[in-house]
Amino acid sequence: MFRIWSILTGLLILGLIGMSSFYFIKKLEAAPLIEEPLPFSHKAHMAPKQHLKCTSCHPEAQTTPYAGIVKLWKCMQCHDVPQGKNPEEPLLKKYYKKGKEFHWVQVNRLPGDVYFSHAMHVTVAKIKCQHCHGQVQNQSKTITVPTAGKMTMFECIQCHEQKGARISCGVCHQ
């Protein structure tokens, strides 16, 4: 009798995980295109000669739950002088001189009941950004749809099991 209940409970849990993953994937597919304040190429900024990595522009990912978005003063460390032929590049200097910031739109969002800490994953677990966000460094166009395609409950549980991390509901759902 105990074995039947164990099997039924396991099937119920797997069903809930599957339904949650399906719902989240469908939500990602239906995500509207986001308009950013100016074109941005991760590929150009992360080219080997640039010596930049994800945390060069998203340093908060190492110490806080949020990856954060780069501040204009950081951009100006390189873009104080023109770096290419992009007609939008002078806008950086113009905004900086006026003391303004670009208002980048957060593209990746998790459901409201899900807690995710970039610091826990990037610094403690040493997980590469690409594991969840895909090959962002190869994106030459502005990212306007979510890149965190692997951020389904199924993928998270699978990764937690592989890494030996806790998988109880309260770890992620609050």
Protein backbone atom coordinates (compact mmCIF):
# COMPACT_ATOMS: atom_id res chain seq x y z
CA MET A 1 0.00 0.00 0.00
CA PHE A 2 2.84 2.40 0.91
CA ARG A 3 4.50 1.67 -2.44
CA ILE A 4 1.36 2.61 -4.39
CA TRP A 5 1.09 5.89 -2.49
CA SER A 6 4.76 6.61 -3.12
CA ILE A 7 4.32 6.00 -6.85
CA LEU A 8 1.16 8.11 -7.00
CA THR A 9 2.85 10.94 -5.08
CA GLY A 10 5.85 10.79 -7.42
CA LEU A 11 3.58 10.89 -10.48
CA LEU A 12 1.66 13.82 -9.03
CA ILE A 13 4.89 15.75 -8.41
CA LEU A 14 6.17 14.98 -11.92
CA GLY A 15 2.81 16.08 -13.36
CA LEU A 16 2.96 19.36 -11.47
CA ILE A 17 6.52 19.97 -12.61
CA GLY A 18 5.56 19.21 -16.21
CA MET A 19 2.52 21.50 -16.11
CA SER A 20 4.54 24.30 -14.50
CA SER A 21 7.30 23.97 -17.10
CA PHE A 22 4.79 23.94 -19.96
CA TYR A 23 3.03 27.01 -18.58
CA PHE A 24 6.31 28.93 -18.18
CA ILE A 25 7.56 27.98 -21.66
CA LYS A 26 4.27 29.13 -23.19
CA LYS A 27 4.56 32.36 -21.22
CA LEU A 28 8.08 32.91 -22.60
CA GLU A 29 6.91 32.25 -26.17
CA ALA A 30 4.15 34.84 -25.77
CA ALA A 31 6.51 37.48 -24.37
CA PRO A 32 6.21 40.78 -26.23
CA LEU A 33 9.20 42.30 -27.99
CA ILE A 34 10.93 44.82 -25.81
CA GLU A 35 12.22 48.10 -27.14
CA GLU A 36 15.55 49.16 -25.66
CA PRO A 37 16.85 52.77 -25.72
CA LEU A 38 19.57 52.06 -28.30
CA PRO A 39 21.03 49.10 -30.22
CA PHE A 40 23.44 46.91 -28.27
CA SER A 41 25.63 44.05 -29.48
CA HIS A 42 26.82 41.59 -26.86
CA LYS A 43 28.96 40.03 -29.59
CA ALA A 44 30.91 43.27 -30.21
CA HIS A 45 31.39 43.90 -26.50
CA MET A 46 32.39 40.34 -25.62
CA ALA A 47 34.79 39.80 -28.53
CA PRO A 48 38.07 38.27 -27.27
CA LYS A 49 40.01 41.49 -27.96
CA GLN A 50 37.67 43.40 -25.60
CA HIS A 51 38.57 41.21 -22.59
CA LEU A 52 35.06 41.68 -21.20
CA LYS A 53 32.96 39.02 -19.52
CA CYS A 54 29.35 39.05 -18.35
CA THR A 55 30.25 40.38 -14.91
CA SER A 56 32.19 43.29 -16.42
CA CYS A 57 28.85 44.96 -17.11
CA HIS A 58 26.69 43.00 -14.67
CA PRO A 59 28.93 42.97 -11.55
CA GLU A 60 25.98 42.70 -9.14
CA ALA A 61 25.49 39.13 -10.37
CA GLN A 62 28.47 38.14 -8.21
CA THR A 63 27.19 39.62 -4.95
CA THR A 64 23.40 40.13 -5.10
CA PRO A 65 20.30 38.29 -6.26
CA TYR A 66 20.05 40.57 -9.31
CA ALA A 67 22.46 40.79 -12.25
CA GLY A 68 21.82 44.51 -12.58
CA ILE A 69 22.28 46.65 -15.63
CA VAL A 70 25.44 48.56 -16.45
CA LYS A 71 25.62 52.24 -15.51
CA LEU A 72 26.63 54.76 -18.15
CA TRP A 73 29.85 55.78 -16.35
CA LYS A 74 31.05 52.21 -16.89
CA CYS A 75 30.34 52.45 -20.63
CA MET A 76 32.25 55.71 -20.77
CA GLN A 77 35.44 54.01 -19.59
CA CYS A 78 35.77 52.76 -23.17
CA HIS A 79 33.36 54.94 -25.12
CA ASP A 80 34.87 58.26 -24.09
CA VAL A 81 36.46 58.03 -27.52
CA PRO A 82 34.62 56.45 -30.49
CA GLN A 83 35.02 52.68 -30.63
CA GLY A 84 33.45 52.08 -34.02
CA LYS A 85 31.17 53.46 -36.66
CA ASN A 86 27.84 52.97 -34.89
CA PRO A 87 25.79 56.17 -35.44
CA GLU A 88 24.18 55.70 -32.00
CA GLU A 89 27.51 55.76 -30.14
CA PRO A 90 27.62 59.58 -29.72
CA LEU A 91 24.39 59.29 -27.68
CA LEU A 92 26.43 57.71 -24.89
CA LYS A 93 28.60 60.79 -24.52
CA LYS A 94 25.59 63.12 -24.87
CA TYR A 95 23.67 61.37 -22.09
CA TYR A 96 26.74 61.13 -19.89
CA LYS A 97 27.49 64.86 -20.16
CA LYS A 98 23.88 65.60 -19.14
CA GLY A 99 24.15 63.26 -16.15
CA LYS A 100 21.45 60.98 -17.56
CA GLU A 101 21.21 57.20 -17.63
CA PHE A 102 19.75 54.98 -20.29
CA HIS A 103 16.69 53.16 -19.03
CA TRP A 104 17.32 49.63 -20.17
CA VAL A 105 14.35 47.31 -19.90
CA GLN A 106 14.75 44.10 -17.90
CA VAL A 107 14.15 41.33 -20.43
CA ASN A 108 14.32 38.21 -18.25
CA ARG A 109 11.71 37.86 -15.51
CA LEU A 110 10.66 34.92 -13.41
CA PRO A 111 7.18 34.41 -11.99
CA GLY A 112 6.57 36.48 -8.84
CA ASP A 113 6.71 33.53 -6.43
CA VAL A 114 10.14 32.38 -7.66
CA TYR A 115 13.23 33.56 -5.82
CA PHE A 116 16.48 33.37 -7.79
CA SER A 117 19.85 34.64 -6.62
CA HIS A 118 22.45 35.34 -9.28
CA ALA A 119 25.14 35.49 -6.58
CA MET A 120 24.26 32.02 -5.30
CA HIS A 121 24.45 30.57 -8.80
CA VAL A 122 27.36 32.60 -10.25
CA THR A 123 29.66 32.91 -7.23
CA VAL A 124 28.80 29.95 -4.99
CA ALA A 125 27.78 27.27 -7.53
CA LYS A 126 30.14 28.63 -10.24
CA ILE A 127 27.49 28.24 -12.96
CA LYS A 128 28.30 30.01 -16.23
CA CYS A 129 25.77 32.64 -17.35
CA GLN A 130 25.35 30.77 -20.64
CA HIS A 131 23.89 27.78 -18.83
CA CYS A 132 20.65 29.68 -18.28
CA HIS A 133 20.90 32.57 -20.75
CA GLY A 134 22.27 30.71 -23.76
CA GLN A 135 25.08 31.97 -25.98
CA VAL A 136 24.37 35.67 -25.35
CA GLN A 137 27.95 36.56 -26.27
CA ASN A 138 27.10 35.66 -29.89
CA GLN A 139 24.12 38.02 -30.10
CA SER A 140 24.91 40.91 -32.43
CA LYS A 141 21.43 42.44 -32.15
CA THR A 142 19.76 44.00 -29.15
CA ILE A 143 18.13 41.34 -27.01
CA THR A 144 14.39 41.99 -27.02
CA VAL A 145 13.00 38.62 -25.90
CA PRO A 146 13.92 36.57 -22.83
CA THR A 147 17.15 34.60 -23.15
CA ALA A 148 16.70 32.57 -19.98
CA GLY A 149 15.10 29.74 -21.95
CA LYS A 150 16.28 27.05 -19.56
CA MET A 151 14.61 28.69 -16.60
CA THR A 152 11.84 26.14 -16.30
CA MET A 153 11.14 24.37 -13.06
CA PHE A 154 12.13 21.08 -14.67
CA GLU A 155 15.51 22.46 -15.81
CA CYS A 156 16.16 24.01 -12.41
CA ILE A 157 15.37 20.79 -10.53
CA GLN A 158 17.50 18.79 -12.94
CA CYS A 159 20.45 21.16 -12.39
CA HIS A 160 19.95 21.15 -8.60
CA GLU A 161 19.99 17.34 -8.62
CA GLN A 162 23.18 17.25 -10.73
CA LYS A 163 24.91 19.76 -8.43
CA GLY A 164 23.61 18.19 -5.21
CA ALA A 165 21.68 21.35 -4.29
CA ARG A 166 18.47 21.30 -2.29
CA ILE A 167 15.26 20.81 -4.26
CA SER A 168 12.54 21.43 -1.69
CA CYS A 169 9.82 23.87 -2.82
CA GLY A 170 10.83 26.55 -0.30
CA VAL A 171 14.31 26.88 -1.81
CA CYS A 172 12.94 28.69 -4.89
CA HIS A 173 9.27 29.38 -4.16
CA GLN A 174 8.57 32.01 -1.53
